[in-house]
PDB file of N, CA and C in Angstrom:
ATOM      1  N   UNK A   1      85.385  68.006  66.619  1.00  0.00           N
ATOM      2  CA  UNK A   1      85.598  68.717  67.860  1.00  0.00           C
ATOM      3  C   UNK A   1      85.330  67.776  69.028  1.00  0.00           C
ATOM      4  N   UNK A   2      86.248  67.760  69.976  1.00  0.00           N
ATOM      5  CA  UNK A   2      86.147  66.876  71.127  1.00  0.00           C
ATOM      6  C   UNK A   2      85.246  67.496  72.181  1.00  0.00           C
ATOM      7  N   UNK A   3      84.323  66.712  72.706  1.00  0.00           N
ATOM      8  CA  UNK A   3      83.404  67.186  73.739  1.00  0.00           C
ATOM      9  C   UNK A   3      84.106  67.102  75.096  1.00  0.00           C
ATOM     10  N   UNK A   4      84.058  68.200  75.829  1.00  0.00           N
ATOM     11  CA  UNK A   4      84.694  68.254  77.145  1.00  0.00           C
ATOM     12  C   UNK A   4      83.622  68.142  78.210  1.00  0.00           C
ATOM     13  N   UNK A   5      83.798  67.222  79.109  1.00  0.00           N
ATOM     14  CA  UNK A   5      82.850  67.035  80.206  1.00  0.00           C
ATOM     15  C   UNK A   5      83.445  67.585  81.498  1.00  0.00           C
ATOM     16  N   UNK A   6      82.711  68.453  82.102  1.00  0.00           N
ATOM     17  CA  UNK A   6      83.148  69.020  83.372  1.00  0.00           C
ATOM     18  C   UNK A   6      82.337  68.381  84.484  1.00  0.00           C
ATOM     19  N   UNK A   7      83.017  67.725  85.366  1.00  0.00           N
ATOM     20  CA  UNK A   7      82.299  67.014  86.417  1.00  0.00           C
ATOM     21  C   UNK A   7      82.702  67.445  87.819  1.00  0.00           C
ATOM     22  N   UNK A   8      83.686  68.304  87.930  1.00  0.00           N
ATOM     23  CA  UNK A   8      84.155  68.691  89.261  1.00  0.00           C
ATOM     24  C   UNK A   8      83.626  70.053  89.713  1.00  0.00           C
ATOM     25  N   UNK A   9      82.501  70.479  89.160  1.00  0.00           N
ATOM     26  CA  UNK A   9      81.934  71.755  89.558  1.00  0.00           C
ATOM     27  C   UNK A   9      81.299  71.658  90.936  1.00  0.00           C
ATOM     28  N   UNK A  10      81.408  72.743  91.666  1.00  0.00           N
ATOM     29  CA  UNK A  10      80.682  72.854  92.928  1.00  0.00           C
ATOM     30  C   UNK A  10      79.493  73.754  92.686  1.00  0.00           C
ATOM     31  N   UNK A  11      78.384  73.406  93.293  1.00  0.00           N
ATOM     32  CA  UNK A  11      77.222  74.270  93.096  1.00  0.00           C
ATOM     33  C   UNK A  11      77.395  75.552  93.918  1.00  0.00           C
ATOM     34  N   UNK A  12      76.739  76.601  93.480  1.00  0.00           N
ATOM     35  CA  UNK A  12      76.874  77.920  94.100  1.00  0.00           C
ATOM     36  C   UNK A  12      76.476  77.873  95.574  1.00  0.00           C
ATOM     37  N   UNK A  13      75.457  77.101  95.881  1.00  0.00           N
ATOM     38  CA  UNK A  13      74.996  77.000  97.261  1.00  0.00           C
ATOM     39  C   UNK A  13      76.074  76.494  98.209  1.00  0.00           C
ATOM     40  N   UNK A  14      76.823  75.497  97.783  1.00  0.00           N
ATOM     41  CA  UNK A  14      77.866  74.956  98.660  1.00  0.00           C
ATOM     42  C   UNK A  14      79.026  75.950  98.808  1.00  0.00           C
ATOM     43  N   UNK A  15      79.308  76.717  97.761  1.00  0.00           N
ATOM     44  CA  UNK A  15      80.364  77.740  97.852  1.00  0.00           C
ATOM     45  C   UNK A  15      79.943  78.830  98.830  1.00  0.00           C
ATOM     46  N   UNK A  16      78.691  79.274  98.730  1.00  0.00           N
ATOM     47  CA  UNK A  16      78.197  80.315  99.635  1.00  0.00           C
ATOM     48  C   UNK A  16      78.177  79.806 101.070  1.00  0.00           C
ATOM     49  N   UNK A  17      77.742  78.581 101.274  1.00  0.00           N
ATOM     50  CA  UNK A  17      77.736  78.007 102.625  1.00  0.00           C
ATOM     51  C   UNK A  17      79.144  77.951 103.210  1.00  0.00           C
ATOM     52  N   UNK A  18      80.095  77.577 102.378  1.00  0.00           N
ATOM     53  CA  UNK A  18      81.483  77.524 102.834  1.00  0.00           C
ATOM     54  C   UNK A  18      81.980  78.917 103.215  1.00  0.00           C
ATOM     55  N   UNK A  19      81.638  79.909 102.405  1.00  0.00           N
ATOM     56  CA  UNK A  19      82.053  81.285 102.702  1.00  0.00           C
ATOM     57  C   UNK A  19      81.409  81.789 103.990  1.00  0.00           C
ATOM     58  N   UNK A  20      80.129  81.489 104.158  1.00  0.00           N
ATOM     59  CA  UNK A  20      79.419  81.965 105.344  1.00  0.00           C
ATOM     60  C   UNK A  20      79.853  81.254 106.618  1.00  0.00           C
ATOM     61  N   UNK A  21      80.475  80.106 106.474  1.00  0.00           N
ATOM     62  CA  UNK A  21      80.951  79.396 107.664  1.00  0.00           C
ATOM     63  C   UNK A  21      82.262  79.978 108.175  1.00  0.00           C
ATOM     64  N   UNK A  22      82.865  80.861 107.395  1.00  0.00           N
ATOM     65  CA  UNK A  22      84.106  81.516 107.813  1.00  0.00           C
ATOM     66  C   UNK A  22      83.821  82.465 108.974  1.00  0.00           C
ATOM     67  N   UNK A  23      84.544  82.304 110.073  1.00  0.00           N
ATOM     68  CA  UNK A  23      84.337  83.159 111.240  1.00  0.00           C
ATOM     69  C   UNK A  23      84.649  84.619 110.949  1.00  0.00           C
ATOM     70  N   UNK A  24      85.666  84.863 110.139  1.00  0.00           N
ATOM     71  CA  UNK A  24      86.022  86.242 109.805  1.00  0.00           C
ATOM     72  C   UNK A  24      84.898  86.919 109.021  1.00  0.00           C
ATOM     73  N   UNK A  25      84.308  86.195 108.090  1.00  0.00           N
ATOM     74  CA  UNK A  25      83.220  86.754 107.309  1.00  0.00           C
ATOM     75  C   UNK A  25      81.986  86.986 108.182  1.00  0.00           C
ATOM     76  N   UNK A  26      81.689  86.042 109.060  1.00  0.00           N
ATOM     77  CA  UNK A  26      80.559  86.207 109.983  1.00  0.00           C
ATOM     78  C   UNK A  26      80.757  87.450 110.844  1.00  0.00           C
ATOM     79  N   UNK A  27      81.963  87.613 111.354  1.00  0.00           N
ATOM     80  CA  UNK A  27      82.271  88.766 112.193  1.00  0.00           C
ATOM     81  C   UNK A  27      82.114  90.067 111.411  1.00  0.00           C
ATOM     82  N   UNK A  28      82.594  90.078 110.179  1.00  0.00           N
ATOM     83  CA  UNK A  28      82.495  91.273 109.343  1.00  0.00           C
ATOM     84  C   UNK A  28      81.037  91.616 109.031  1.00  0.00           C
ATOM     85  N   UNK A  29      80.240  90.628 108.721  1.00  0.00           N
ATOM     86  CA  UNK A  29      78.823  90.861 108.418  1.00  0.00           C
ATOM     87  C   UNK A  29      78.099  91.370 109.662  1.00  0.00           C
ATOM     88  N   UNK A  30      78.384  90.786 110.809  1.00  0.00           N
ATOM     89  CA  UNK A  30      77.756  91.209 112.054  1.00  0.00           C
ATOM     90  C   UNK A  30      78.119  92.644 112.380  1.00  0.00           C
ATOM     91  N   UNK A  31      79.382  92.990 112.244  1.00  0.00           N
ATOM     92  CA  UNK A  31      79.814  94.367 112.512  1.00  0.00           C
ATOM     93  C   UNK A  31      79.182  95.331 111.522  1.00  0.00           C
ATOM     94  N   UNK A  32      79.109  94.939 110.269  1.00  0.00           N
ATOM     95  CA  UNK A  32      78.480  95.796 109.265  1.00  0.00           C
ATOM     96  C   UNK A  32      77.018  96.050 109.614  1.00  0.00           C
ATOM     97  N   UNK A  33      76.334  95.029 110.092  1.00  0.00           N
ATOM     98  CA  UNK A  33      74.945  95.210 110.519  1.00  0.00           C
ATOM     99  C   UNK A  33      74.861  96.190 111.682  1.00  0.00           C
ATOM    100  N   UNK A  34      75.792  96.108 112.593  1.00  0.00           N
ATOM    101  CA  UNK A  34      75.821  97.036 113.718  1.00  0.00           C
ATOM    102  C   UNK A  34      76.033  98.466 113.225  1.00  0.00           C
ATOM    103  N   UNK A  35      76.928  98.638 112.279  1.00  0.00           N
ATOM    104  CA  UNK A  35      77.235  99.971 111.761  1.00  0.00           C
ATOM    105  C   UNK A  35      76.019 100.611 111.090  1.00  0.00           C
ATOM    106  N   UNK A  36      75.133  99.790 110.549  1.00  0.00           N
ATOM    107  CA  UNK A  36      73.943 100.321 109.893  1.00  0.00           C
ATOM    108  C   UNK A  36      73.016 101.031 110.880  1.00  0.00           C
ATOM    109  N   UNK A  37      73.113 100.711 112.155  1.00  0.00           N
ATOM    110  CA  UNK A  37      72.259 101.329 113.167  1.00  0.00           C
ATOM    111  C   UNK A  37      72.794 102.668 113.660  1.00  0.00           C
ATOM    112  N   UNK A  38      73.991 103.035 113.232  1.00  0.00           N
ATOM    113  CA  UNK A  38      74.617 104.278 113.698  1.00  0.00           C
ATOM    114  C   UNK A  38      73.700 105.487 113.460  1.00  0.00           C
ATOM    115  N   UNK A  39      73.089 105.558 112.280  1.00  0.00           N
ATOM    116  CA  UNK A  39      72.219 106.688 111.956  1.00  0.00           C
ATOM    117  C   UNK A  39      71.069 106.817 112.943  1.00  0.00           C
ATOM    118  N   UNK A  40      70.473 105.698 113.319  1.00  0.00           N
ATOM    119  CA  UNK A  40      69.354 105.713 114.260  1.00  0.00           C
ATOM    120  C   UNK A  40      69.808 106.135 115.650  1.00  0.00           C
ATOM    121  N   UNK A  41      71.006 105.778 116.002  1.00  0.00           N
ATOM    122  CA  UNK A  41      71.486 106.025 117.356  1.00  0.00           C
ATOM    123  C   UNK A  41      71.900 107.481 117.561  1.00  0.00           C
ATOM    124  N   UNK A  42      72.636 108.047 116.608  1.00  0.00           N
ATOM    125  CA  UNK A  42      73.151 109.408 116.796  1.00  0.00           C
ATOM    126  C   UNK A  42      72.303 110.470 116.111  1.00  0.00           C
ATOM    127  N   UNK A  43      71.395 110.087 115.271  1.00  0.00           N
ATOM    128  CA  UNK A  43      70.551 111.060 114.586  1.00  0.00           C
ATOM    129  C   UNK A  43      71.194 111.583 113.312  1.00  0.00           C
ATOM    130  N   UNK A  44      70.382 112.282 112.532  1.00  0.00           N
ATOM    131  CA  UNK A  44      70.822 112.742 111.215  1.00  0.00           C
ATOM    132  C   UNK A  44      71.998 113.705 111.310  1.00  0.00           C
ATOM    133  N   UNK A  45      71.947 114.620 112.277  1.00  0.00           N
ATOM    134  CA  UNK A  45      72.992 115.643 112.403  1.00  0.00           C
ATOM    135  C   UNK A  45      74.381 115.016 112.499  1.00  0.00           C
ATOM    136  N   UNK A  46      74.520 114.027 113.359  1.00  0.00           N
ATOM    137  CA  UNK A  46      75.836 113.427 113.573  1.00  0.00           C
ATOM    138  C   UNK A  46      76.131 112.266 112.630  1.00  0.00           C
ATOM    139  N   UNK A  47      75.098 111.654 112.062  1.00  0.00           N
ATOM    140  CA  UNK A  47      75.354 110.544 111.144  1.00  0.00           C
ATOM    141  C   UNK A  47      76.006 111.031 109.854  1.00  0.00           C
ATOM    142  N   UNK A  48      75.805 112.289 109.513  1.00  0.00           N
ATOM    143  CA  UNK A  48      76.452 112.855 108.334  1.00  0.00           C
ATOM    144  C   UNK A  48      77.892 113.271 108.608  1.00  0.00           C
ATOM    145  N   UNK A  49      78.232 113.420 109.881  1.00  0.00           N
ATOM    146  CA  UNK A  49      79.565 113.908 110.257  1.00  0.00           C
ATOM    147  C   UNK A  49      80.408 112.860 110.973  1.00  0.00           C
ATOM    148  N   UNK A  50      79.855 111.658 111.114  1.00  0.00           N
ATOM    149  CA  UNK A  50      80.596 110.577 111.769  1.00  0.00           C
ATOM    150  C   UNK A  50      80.121 109.242 111.211  1.00  0.00           C
ATOM    151  N   UNK A  51      81.039 108.291 111.148  1.00  0.00           N
ATOM    152  CA  UNK A  51      80.724 106.957 110.636  1.00  0.00           C
ATOM    153  C   UNK A  51      81.533 105.925 111.417  1.00  0.00           C
ATOM    154  N   UNK A  52      80.925 104.795 111.753  1.00  0.00           N
ATOM    155  CA  UNK A  52      81.705 103.720 112.362  1.00  0.00           C
ATOM    156  C   UNK A  52      82.823 103.301 111.415  1.00  0.00           C
ATOM    157  N   UNK A  53      84.006 103.146 111.963  1.00  0.00           N
ATOM    158  CA  UNK A  53      85.190 102.852 111.155  1.00  0.00           C
ATOM    159  C   UNK A  53      85.654 101.412 111.331  1.00  0.00           C
ATOM    160  N   UNK A  54      85.547 100.919 112.546  1.00  0.00           N
ATOM    161  CA  UNK A  54      86.018  99.558 112.813  1.00  0.00           C
ATOM    162  C   UNK A  54      85.935  99.241 114.286  1.00  0.00           C
ATOM    163  N   UNK A  55      86.418  98.066 114.613  1.00  0.00           N
ATOM    164  CA  UNK A  55      86.442  97.628 116.009  1.00  0.00           C
ATOM    165  C   UNK A  55      87.884  97.434 116.437  1.00  0.00           C
ATOM    166  N   UNK A  56      88.221  98.025 117.564  1.00  0.00           N
ATOM    167  CA  UNK A  56      89.537  97.824 118.135  1.00  0.00           C
ATOM    168  C   UNK A  56      89.482  96.669 119.121  1.00  0.00           C
ATOM    169  N   UNK A  57      90.570  96.448 119.790  1.00  0.00           N
ATOM    170  CA  UNK A  57      90.607  95.385 120.781  1.00  0.00           C
ATOM    171  C   UNK A  57      89.750  95.697 121.995  1.00  0.00           C
ATOM    172  N   UNK A  58      89.355  94.677 122.708  1.00  0.00           N
ATOM    173  CA  UNK A  58      88.584  94.795 123.947  1.00  0.00           C
ATOM    174  C   UNK A  58      87.244  95.489 123.765  1.00  0.00           C
ATOM    175  N   UNK A  59      86.608  95.327 122.623  1.00  0.00           N
ATOM    176  CA  UNK A  59      85.265  95.862 122.421  1.00  0.00           C
ATOM    177  C   UNK A  59      85.196  97.364 122.274  1.00  0.00           C
ATOM    178  N   UNK A  60      86.185  97.962 121.640  1.00  0.00           N
ATOM    179  CA  UNK A  60      86.192  99.410 121.422  1.00  0.00           C
ATOM    180  C   UNK A  60      85.757  99.697 119.988  1.00  0.00           C
ATOM    181  N   UNK A  61      84.655 100.428 119.853  1.00  0.00           N
ATOM    182  CA  UNK A  61      84.169 100.839 118.549  1.00  0.00           C
ATOM    183  C   UNK A  61      84.907 102.112 118.148  1.00  0.00           C
ATOM    184  N   UNK A  62      85.502 102.101 116.968  1.00  0.00           N
ATOM    185  CA  UNK A  62      86.226 103.271 116.467  1.00  0.00           C
ATOM    186  C   UNK A  62      85.312 103.985 115.478  1.00  0.00           C
ATOM    187  N   UNK A  63      85.105 105.275 115.731  1.00  0.00           N
ATOM    188  CA  UNK A  63      84.215 106.081 114.907  1.00  0.00           C
ATOM    189  C   UNK A  63      85.010 107.207 114.267  1.00  0.00           C
ATOM    190  N   UNK A  64      84.953 107.287 112.940  1.00  0.00           N
ATOM    191  CA  UNK A  64      85.598 108.377 112.212  1.00  0.00           C
ATOM    192  C   UNK A  64      84.699 109.606 112.305  1.00  0.00           C
ATOM    193  N   UNK A  65      85.304 110.746 112.613  1.00  0.00           N
ATOM    194  CA  UNK A  65      84.550 111.986 112.758  1.00  0.00           C
ATOM    195  C   UNK A  65      85.110 113.048 111.827  1.00  0.00           C
ATOM    196  N   UNK A  66      84.230 113.911 111.349  1.00  0.00           N
ATOM    197  CA  UNK A  66      84.609 114.929 110.378  1.00  0.00           C
ATOM    198  C   UNK A  66      85.643 115.905 110.927  1.00  0.00           C
ATOM    199  N   UNK A  67      85.508 116.294 112.184  1.00  0.00           N
ATOM    200  CA  UNK A  67      86.458 117.236 112.784  1.00  0.00           C
ATOM    201  C   UNK A  67      86.418 117.113 114.307  1.00  0.00           C
ATOM    202  N   UNK A  68      87.271 117.878 114.975  1.00  0.00           N
ATOM    203  CA  UNK A  68      87.376 117.762 116.435  1.00  0.00           C
ATOM    204  C   UNK A  68      86.135 118.296 117.150  1.00  0.00           C
ATOM    205  N   UNK A  69      85.396 119.190 116.527  1.00  0.00           N
ATOM    206  CA  UNK A  69      84.148 119.684 117.139  1.00  0.00           C
ATOM    207  C   UNK A  69      83.122 118.556 117.238  1.00  0.00           C
ATOM    208  N   UNK A  70      83.049 117.753 116.195  1.00  0.00           N
ATOM    209  CA  UNK A  70      82.141 116.597 116.207  1.00  0.00           C
ATOM    210  C   UNK A  70      82.590 115.608 117.273  1.00  0.00           C
ATOM    211  N   UNK A  71      83.898 115.396 117.372  1.00  0.00           N
ATOM    212  CA  UNK A  71      84.444 114.501 118.398  1.00  0.00           C
ATOM    213  C   UNK A  71      84.014 114.973 119.783  1.00  0.00           C
ATOM    214  N   UNK A  72      84.169 116.265 120.042  1.00  0.00           N
ATOM    215  CA  UNK A  72      83.843 116.823 121.356  1.00  0.00           C
ATOM    216  C   UNK A  72      82.358 116.640 121.677  1.00  0.00           C
ATOM    217  N   UNK A  73      81.489 116.920 120.715  1.00  0.00           N
ATOM    218  CA  UNK A  73      80.052 116.778 120.961  1.00  0.00           C
ATOM    219  C   UNK A  73      79.666 115.317 121.183  1.00  0.00           C
ATOM    220  N   UNK A  74      80.275 114.405 120.413  1.00  0.00           N
ATOM    221  CA  UNK A  74      79.967 112.987 120.591  1.00  0.00           C
ATOM    222  C   UNK A  74      80.526 112.458 121.907  1.00  0.00           C
ATOM    223  N   UNK A  75      81.674 112.978 122.326  1.00  0.00           N
ATOM    224  CA  UNK A  75      82.225 112.571 123.622  1.00  0.00           C
ATOM    225  C   UNK A  75      81.270 112.922 124.757  1.00  0.00           C
ATOM    226  N   UNK A  76      80.623 114.067 124.651  1.00  0.00           N
ATOM    227  CA  UNK A  76      79.663 114.479 125.681  1.00  0.00           C
ATOM    228  C   UNK A  76      78.452 113.556 125.724  1.00  0.00           C
ATOM    229  N   UNK A  77      78.161 112.900 124.611  1.00  0.00           N
ATOM    230  CA  UNK A  77      77.003 112.004 124.509  1.00  0.00           C
ATOM    231  C   UNK A  77      77.368 110.526 124.557  1.00  0.00           C
ATOM    232  N   UNK A  78      78.623 110.228 124.825  1.00  0.00           N
ATOM    233  CA  UNK A  78      79.102 108.843 124.714  1.00  0.00           C
ATOM    234  C   UNK A  78      78.300 107.859 125.560  1.00  0.00           C
ATOM    235  N   UNK A  79      77.998 108.195 126.779  1.00  0.00           N
ATOM    236  CA  UNK A  79      77.270 107.240 127.629  1.00  0.00           C
ATOM    237  C   UNK A  79      75.862 106.991 127.084  1.00  0.00           C
ATOM    238  N   UNK A  80      75.211 108.028 126.554  1.00  0.00           N
ATOM    239  CA  UNK A  80      73.883 107.839 125.961  1.00  0.00           C
ATOM    240  C   UNK A  80      73.968 106.998 124.685  1.00  0.00           C
ATOM    241  N   UNK A  81      75.019 107.215 123.896  1.00  0.00           N
ATOM    242  CA  UNK A  81      75.198 106.433 122.667  1.00  0.00           C
ATOM    243  C   UNK A  81      75.398 104.960 123.008  1.00  0.00           C
ATOM    244  N   UNK A  82      76.243 104.692 124.002  1.00  0.00           N
ATOM    245  CA  UNK A  82      76.469 103.305 124.416  1.00  0.00           C
ATOM    246  C   UNK A  82      75.175 102.671 124.918  1.00  0.00           C
ATOM    247  N   UNK A  83      74.377 103.435 125.629  1.00  0.00           N
ATOM    248  CA  UNK A  83      73.107 102.920 126.143  1.00  0.00           C
ATOM    249  C   UNK A  83      72.138 102.615 125.002  1.00  0.00           C
ATOM    250  N   UNK A  84      72.076 103.488 124.005  1.00  0.00           N
ATOM    251  CA  UNK A  84      71.194 103.274 122.857  1.00  0.00           C
ATOM    252  C   UNK A  84      71.646 102.084 122.011  1.00  0.00           C
ATOM    253  N   UNK A  85      72.932 101.784 122.038  1.00  0.00           N
ATOM    254  CA  UNK A  85      73.478 100.660 121.278  1.00  0.00           C
ATOM    255  C   UNK A  85      73.083  99.308 121.869  1.00  0.00           C
ATOM    256  N   UNK A  86      72.796  99.245 123.151  1.00  0.00           N
ATOM    257  CA  UNK A  86      72.609  97.969 123.847  1.00  0.00           C
ATOM    258  C   UNK A  86      71.597  97.029 123.198  1.00  0.00           C
ATOM    259  N   UNK A  87      70.399  97.473 122.816  1.00  0.00           N
ATOM    260  CA  UNK A  87      69.466  96.504 122.187  1.00  0.00           C
ATOM    261  C   UNK A  87      70.021  95.895 120.903  1.00  0.00           C
ATOM    262  N   UNK A  88      70.713  96.703 120.118  1.00  0.00           N
ATOM    263  CA  UNK A  88      71.287  96.211 118.873  1.00  0.00           C
ATOM    264  C   UNK A  88      72.437  95.243 119.155  1.00  0.00           C
ATOM    265  N   UNK A  89      73.243  95.571 120.144  1.00  0.00           N
ATOM    266  CA  UNK A  89      74.364  94.704 120.510  1.00  0.00           C
ATOM    267  C   UNK A  89      73.876  93.349 120.989  1.00  0.00           C
ATOM    268  N   UNK A  90      72.819  93.350 121.796  1.00  0.00           N
ATOM    269  CA  UNK A  90      72.280  92.091 122.302  1.00  0.00           C
ATOM    270  C   UNK A  90      71.755  91.225 121.168  1.00  0.00           C
ATOM    271  N   UNK A  91      71.045  91.841 120.224  1.00  0.00           N
ATOM    272  CA  UNK A  91      70.477  91.048 119.128  1.00  0.00           C
ATOM    273  C   UNK A  91      71.561  90.496 118.207  1.00  0.00           C
ATOM    274  N   UNK A  92      72.703  91.187 118.102  1.00  0.00           N
ATOM    275  CA  UNK A  92      73.796  90.732 117.247  1.00  0.00           C
ATOM    276  C   UNK A  92      74.852  89.934 118.010  1.00  0.00           C
ATOM    277  N   UNK A  93      74.664  89.783 119.324  1.00  0.00           N
ATOM    278  CA  UNK A  93      75.601  89.057 120.186  1.00  0.00           C
ATOM    279  C   UNK A  93      76.999  89.672 120.132  1.00  0.00           C
ATOM    280  N   UNK A  94      77.045  91.007 120.230  1.00  0.00           N
ATOM    281  CA  UNK A  94      78.309  91.741 120.241  1.00  0.00           C
ATOM    282  C   UNK A  94      78.467  92.481 121.552  1.00  0.00           C
ATOM    283  N   UNK A  95      79.694  92.857 121.838  1.00  0.00           N
ATOM    284  CA  UNK A  95      79.990  93.655 123.024  1.00  0.00           C
ATOM    285  C   UNK A  95      80.781  94.880 122.595  1.00  0.00           C
ATOM    286  N   UNK A  96      80.269  96.043 122.951  1.00  0.00           N
ATOM    287  CA  UNK A  96      80.999  97.292 122.770  1.00  0.00           C
ATOM    288  C   UNK A  96      81.090  97.924 124.147  1.00  0.00           C
ATOM    289  N   UNK A  97      82.314  98.015 124.653  1.00  0.00           N
ATOM    290  CA  UNK A  97      82.529  98.553 125.991  1.00  0.00           C
ATOM    291  C   UNK A  97      82.837 100.045 125.966  1.00  0.00           C
ATOM    292  N   UNK A  98      83.382 100.511 124.847  1.00  0.00           N
ATOM    293  CA  UNK A  98      83.794 101.903 124.767  1.00  0.00           C
ATOM    294  C   UNK A  98      83.750 102.353 123.308  1.00  0.00           C
ATOM    295  N   UNK A  99      83.774 103.663 123.120  1.00  0.00           N
ATOM    296  CA  UNK A  99      83.806 104.228 121.778  1.00  0.00           C
ATOM    297  C   UNK A  99      84.968 105.205 121.711  1.00  0.00           C
ATOM    298  N   UNK A 100      85.746 105.089 120.660  1.00  0.00           N
ATOM    299  CA  UNK A 100      86.842 106.021 120.419  1.00  0.00           C
ATOM    300  C   UNK A 100      86.486 106.830 119.180  1.00  0.00           C
ATOM    301  N   UNK A 101      86.434 108.144 119.342  1.00  0.00           N
ATOM    302  CA  UNK A 101      86.120 109.038 118.233  1.00  0.00           C
ATOM    303  C   UNK A 101      87.427 109.573 117.668  1.00  0.00           C
ATOM    304  N   UNK A 102      87.625 109.393 116.357  1.00  0.00           N
ATOM    305  CA  UNK A 102      88.913 109.722 115.753  1.00  0.00           C
ATOM    306  C   UNK A 102      88.736 110.552 114.479  1.00  0.00           C
ATOM    307  N   UNK A 103      89.110 111.834 114.507  1.00  0.00           N
ATOM    308  CA  UNK A 103      88.974 112.660 113.308  1.00  0.00           C
ATOM    309  C   UNK A 103      89.972 112.282 112.205  1.00  0.00           C
ATOM    310  N   UNK A 104      91.069 111.652 112.555  1.00  0.00           N
ATOM    311  CA  UNK A 104      92.064 111.265 111.553  1.00  0.00           C
ATOM    312  C   UNK A 104      91.534 110.172 110.622  1.00  0.00           C
ATOM    313  N   UNK A 105      90.626 109.349 111.110  1.00  0.00           N
ATOM    314  CA  UNK A 105      90.059 108.262 110.295  1.00  0.00           C
ATOM    315  C   UNK A 105      89.117 108.803 109.214  1.00  0.00           C
ATOM    316  N   UNK A 106      88.590 110.013 109.404  1.00  0.00           N
ATOM    317  CA  UNK A 106      87.659 110.590 108.437  1.00  0.00           C
ATOM    318  C   UNK A 106      88.309 110.743 107.070  1.00  0.00           C
ATOM    319  N   UNK A 107      89.589 111.092 107.065  1.00  0.00           N
ATOM    320  CA  UNK A 107      90.323 111.248 105.807  1.00  0.00           C
ATOM    321  C   UNK A 107      90.342 109.954 105.012  1.00  0.00           C
ATOM    322  N   UNK A 108      90.429 108.823 105.715  1.00  0.00           N
ATOM    323  CA  UNK A 108      90.445 107.519 105.038  1.00  0.00           C
ATOM    324  C   UNK A 108      89.092 107.215 104.379  1.00  0.00           C
ATOM    325  N   UNK A 109      88.000 107.732 104.947  1.00  0.00           N
ATOM    326  CA  UNK A 109      86.681 107.479 104.389  1.00  0.00           C
ATOM    327  C   UNK A 109      86.415 108.331 103.159  1.00  0.00           C
ATOM    328  N   UNK A 110      87.022 109.501 103.094  1.00  0.00           N
ATOM    329  CA  UNK A 110      86.731 110.425 101.999  1.00  0.00           C
ATOM    330  C   UNK A 110      87.676 110.267 100.822  1.00  0.00           C
ATOM    331  N   UNK A 111      88.679 109.441 100.934  1.00  0.00           N
ATOM    332  CA  UNK A 111      89.642 109.254  99.835  1.00  0.00           C
ATOM    333  C   UNK A 111      89.072 108.402  98.739  1.00  0.00           C
TER     334      UNK A 111
END
């Protein structure tokens, strides 16, 4: 039996470093960290009925909502939500200028 020598392996550390240097991955991880704070910001009542869905252009956070009643209640609190987000945004070096609440996105989360 012929012995096969493998010499072109990359160590796991260099692969992970290469992946983490990707701007798209950094952006995704940062946004995911921001989304984790949603529960603290809106409280238990609304965290069960709404979830951050993504980021639109110009710093717009898109939030999936269970129904239009949740959208209406969150719209009434939008300025307070944006204010509560500020410490988290500063620590993550992100900008959220507005929030769009969308009940149609909820269907995508439950599928």
